[in-house]
Amino acid sequence: MSANPVAQPPQRACPRCSTIARTADAHCPFCGGSYRRRSPVPAIAALMLATVAGILVGTALMLTAFGETLESELDAQVTTVQRDFDRDVRGLENRIEQELDERLPAPTGP
């Protein structure tokens, strides 16, 4: 007669403390850590979310800086155009005044 060997629990290595134990329990008998390995999906999702958030923040900062630069350049251009316009209007006023002075008779005394 052959004796049936008693089935021994599986040998497991604890992912937390690295101890090898023969146990059928879901937790390590030494440190209490779970033998179940966690799925990397939540960590990957969190990393992707952080990456997307970083990209969005960087893009927002670049657009803000671009907007400020554009506004500054536009202000400079508007100032230049306004100065040129004012100069041209003054020149036109002077020419009109000269033309009127030439066409109108000089005032005579009383």
C-alpha atoms as a PDB file:
ATOM      1  CA  MET A   1       0.000   0.000   0.000  1.00  0.00           C
ATOM      2  CA  SER A   2       1.213   3.332  -0.897  1.00  0.00           C
ATOM      3  CA  ALA A   3       0.519   6.199   1.381  1.00  0.00           C
ATOM      4  CA  ASN A   4      -1.117   9.267  -0.051  1.00  0.00           C
ATOM      5  CA  PRO A   5       1.096  12.197   0.705  1.00  0.00           C
ATOM      6  CA  VAL A   6      -0.749  14.943   2.476  1.00  0.00           C
ATOM      7  CA  ALA A   7      -1.024  17.922   0.225  1.00  0.00           C
ATOM      8  CA  GLN A   8       1.167  20.673   1.525  1.00  0.00           C
ATOM      9  CA  PRO A   9       0.225  24.326   1.117  1.00  0.00           C
ATOM     10  CA  PRO A  10       2.010  26.140  -1.691  1.00  0.00           C
ATOM     11  CA  GLN A  11       5.295  27.842  -1.095  1.00  0.00           C
ATOM     12  CA  ARG A  12       4.936  31.591  -1.439  1.00  0.00           C
ATOM     13  CA  ALA A  13       7.292  34.530  -1.354  1.00  0.00           C
ATOM     14  CA  CYS A  14       5.873  37.600   0.366  1.00  0.00           C
ATOM     15  CA  PRO A  15       6.145  40.682  -1.899  1.00  0.00           C
ATOM     16  CA  ARG A  16       6.387  42.892   1.182  1.00  0.00           C
ATOM     17  CA  CYS A  17       9.024  41.205   3.387  1.00  0.00           C
ATOM     18  CA  SER A  18      10.439  38.657   0.873  1.00  0.00           C
ATOM     19  CA  THR A  19       9.998  35.779   3.350  1.00  0.00           C
ATOM     20  CA  ILE A  20       9.195  32.370   1.866  1.00  0.00           C
ATOM     21  CA  ALA A  21       6.458  30.488   3.674  1.00  0.00           C
ATOM     22  CA  ARG A  22       4.266  27.468   3.002  1.00  0.00           C
ATOM     23  CA  THR A  23       0.782  28.799   3.524  1.00  0.00           C
ATOM     24  CA  ALA A  24      -2.624  28.837   1.896  1.00  0.00           C
ATOM     25  CA  ASP A  25      -3.557  32.033   3.690  1.00  0.00           C
ATOM     26  CA  ALA A  26      -4.038  35.265   1.751  1.00  0.00           C
ATOM     27  CA  HIS A  27      -1.583  37.092   4.055  1.00  0.00           C
ATOM     28  CA  CYS A  28       2.029  36.480   5.053  1.00  0.00           C
ATOM     29  CA  PRO A  29       2.279  34.836   8.513  1.00  0.00           C
ATOM     30  CA  PHE A  30       5.365  36.963   9.297  1.00  0.00           C
ATOM     31  CA  CYS A  31       4.493  40.522   8.306  1.00  0.00           C
ATOM     32  CA  GLY A  32       0.775  40.303   7.526  1.00  0.00           C
ATOM     33  CA  GLY A  33       1.261  41.627   3.995  1.00  0.00           C
ATOM     34  CA  SER A  34      -1.011  40.406   1.248  1.00  0.00           C
ATOM     35  CA  TYR A  35       0.242  37.867  -1.255  1.00  0.00           C
ATOM     36  CA  ARG A  36      -1.897  39.465  -3.920  1.00  0.00           C
ATOM     37  CA  ARG A  37       0.052  41.749  -6.158  1.00  0.00           C
ATOM     38  CA  ARG A  38      -1.556  45.032  -6.944  1.00  0.00           C
ATOM     39  CA  SER A  39      -2.488  45.862 -10.484  1.00  0.00           C
ATOM     40  CA  PRO A  40      -0.269  48.526 -12.079  1.00  0.00           C
ATOM     41  CA  VAL A  41      -3.279  50.063 -13.846  1.00  0.00           C
ATOM     42  CA  PRO A  42      -4.138  52.636 -11.125  1.00  0.00           C
ATOM     43  CA  ALA A  43      -0.501  53.739 -10.873  1.00  0.00           C
ATOM     44  CA  ILE A  44      -0.230  54.051 -14.649  1.00  0.00           C
ATOM     45  CA  ALA A  45      -3.524  55.974 -14.794  1.00  0.00           C
ATOM     46  CA  ALA A  46      -2.324  58.341 -12.057  1.00  0.00           C
ATOM     47  CA  LEU A  47       0.971  58.868 -13.884  1.00  0.00           C
ATOM     48  CA  MET A  48      -0.840  59.583 -17.143  1.00  0.00           C
ATOM     49  CA  LEU A  49      -3.179  61.999 -15.368  1.00  0.00           C
ATOM     50  CA  ALA A  50      -0.222  63.819 -13.805  1.00  0.00           C
ATOM     51  CA  THR A  51       1.495  63.984 -17.208  1.00  0.00           C
ATOM     52  CA  VAL A  52      -1.603  65.406 -18.893  1.00  0.00           C
ATOM     53  CA  ALA A  53      -2.042  67.926 -16.072  1.00  0.00           C
ATOM     54  CA  GLY A  54       1.603  68.975 -16.433  1.00  0.00           C
ATOM     55  CA  ILE A  55       1.226  69.404 -20.170  1.00  0.00           C
ATOM     56  CA  LEU A  56      -1.942  71.467 -19.729  1.00  0.00           C
ATOM     57  CA  VAL A  57      -0.341  73.698 -17.093  1.00  0.00           C
ATOM     58  CA  GLY A  58       2.744  74.172 -19.284  1.00  0.00           C
ATOM     59  CA  THR A  59       0.586  75.024 -22.284  1.00  0.00           C
ATOM     60  CA  ALA A  60      -1.433  77.506 -20.233  1.00  0.00           C
ATOM     61  CA  LEU A  61       1.769  79.175 -19.013  1.00  0.00           C
ATOM     62  CA  MET A  62       3.155  79.395 -22.543  1.00  0.00           C
ATOM     63  CA  LEU A  63      -0.099  80.868 -23.869  1.00  0.00           C
ATOM     64  CA  THR A  64      -0.178  83.387 -21.031  1.00  0.00           C
ATOM     65  CA  ALA A  65       3.405  84.441 -21.743  1.00  0.00           C
ATOM     66  CA  PHE A  66       2.633  84.667 -25.467  1.00  0.00           C
ATOM     67  CA  GLY A  67      -0.463  86.764 -24.744  1.00  0.00           C
ATOM     68  CA  GLU A  68       1.499  89.169 -22.562  1.00  0.00           C
ATOM     69  CA  THR A  69       4.228  89.500 -25.195  1.00  0.00           C
ATOM     70  CA  LEU A  70       1.670  90.045 -27.941  1.00  0.00           C
ATOM     71  CA  GLU A  71      -0.153  92.663 -25.859  1.00  0.00           C
ATOM     72  CA  SER A  72       3.123  94.474 -25.166  1.00  0.00           C
ATOM     73  CA  GLU A  73       4.066  94.516 -28.858  1.00  0.00           C
ATOM     74  CA  LEU A  74       0.585  95.676 -29.866  1.00  0.00           C
ATOM     75  CA  ASP A  75       0.737  98.491 -27.304  1.00  0.00           C
ATOM     76  CA  ALA A  76       4.082  99.591 -28.746  1.00  0.00           C
ATOM     77  CA  GLN A  77       2.684  99.526 -32.286  1.00  0.00           C
ATOM     78  CA  VAL A  78      -0.443 101.456 -31.252  1.00  0.00           C
ATOM     79  CA  THR A  79       1.732 104.066 -29.546  1.00  0.00           C
ATOM     80  CA  THR A  80       3.831 104.426 -32.712  1.00  0.00           C
ATOM     81  CA  VAL A  81       0.777 104.728 -34.961  1.00  0.00           C
ATOM     82  CA  GLN A  82      -0.856 107.240 -32.598  1.00  0.00           C
ATOM     83  CA  ARG A  83       2.318 109.351 -32.494  1.00  0.00           C
ATOM     84  CA  ASP A  84       2.598 109.291 -36.311  1.00  0.00           C
ATOM     85  CA  PHE A  85      -1.086 110.134 -36.679  1.00  0.00           C
ATOM     86  CA  ASP A  86      -0.812 113.065 -34.255  1.00  0.00           C
ATOM     87  CA  ARG A  87       2.256 114.346 -36.146  1.00  0.00           C
ATOM     88  CA  ASP A  88       0.403 114.087 -39.480  1.00  0.00           C
ATOM     89  CA  VAL A  89      -2.662 115.883 -38.081  1.00  0.00           C
ATOM     90  CA  ARG A  90      -0.494 118.702 -36.708  1.00  0.00           C
ATOM     91  CA  GLY A  91       1.230 118.989 -40.107  1.00  0.00           C
ATOM     92  CA  LEU A  92      -2.154 119.096 -41.839  1.00  0.00           C
ATOM     93  CA  GLU A  93      -3.378 121.768 -39.434  1.00  0.00           C
ATOM     94  CA  ASN A  94      -0.259 123.843 -40.158  1.00  0.00           C
ATOM     95  CA  ARG A  95      -0.727 123.494 -43.922  1.00  0.00           C
ATOM     96  CA  ILE A  96      -4.407 124.457 -43.690  1.00  0.00           C
ATOM     97  CA  GLU A  97      -3.500 127.460 -41.546  1.00  0.00           C
ATOM     98  CA  GLN A  98      -0.835 128.537 -44.067  1.00  0.00           C
ATOM     99  CA  GLU A  99      -3.237 128.097 -46.972  1.00  0.00           C
ATOM    100  CA  LEU A 100      -5.901 130.149 -45.213  1.00  0.00           C
ATOM    101  CA  ASP A 101      -3.356 132.846 -44.356  1.00  0.00           C
ATOM    102  CA  GLU A 102      -2.341 133.043 -48.011  1.00  0.00           C
ATOM    103  CA  ARG A 103      -5.912 133.186 -49.365  1.00  0.00           C
ATOM    104  CA  LEU A 104      -7.492 135.505 -46.847  1.00  0.00           C
ATOM    105  CA  PRO A 105      -6.673 139.188 -47.070  1.00  0.00           C
ATOM    106  CA  ALA A 106      -4.674 140.643 -44.269  1.00  0.00           C
ATOM    107  CA  PRO A 107      -6.790 142.498 -41.768  1.00  0.00           C
ATOM    108  CA  THR A 108      -6.793 146.262 -42.302  1.00  0.00           C
ATOM    109  CA  GLY A 109      -6.692 148.813 -39.584  1.00  0.00           C
ATOM    110  CA  PRO A 110      -9.789 150.639 -38.214  1.00  0.00           C
END
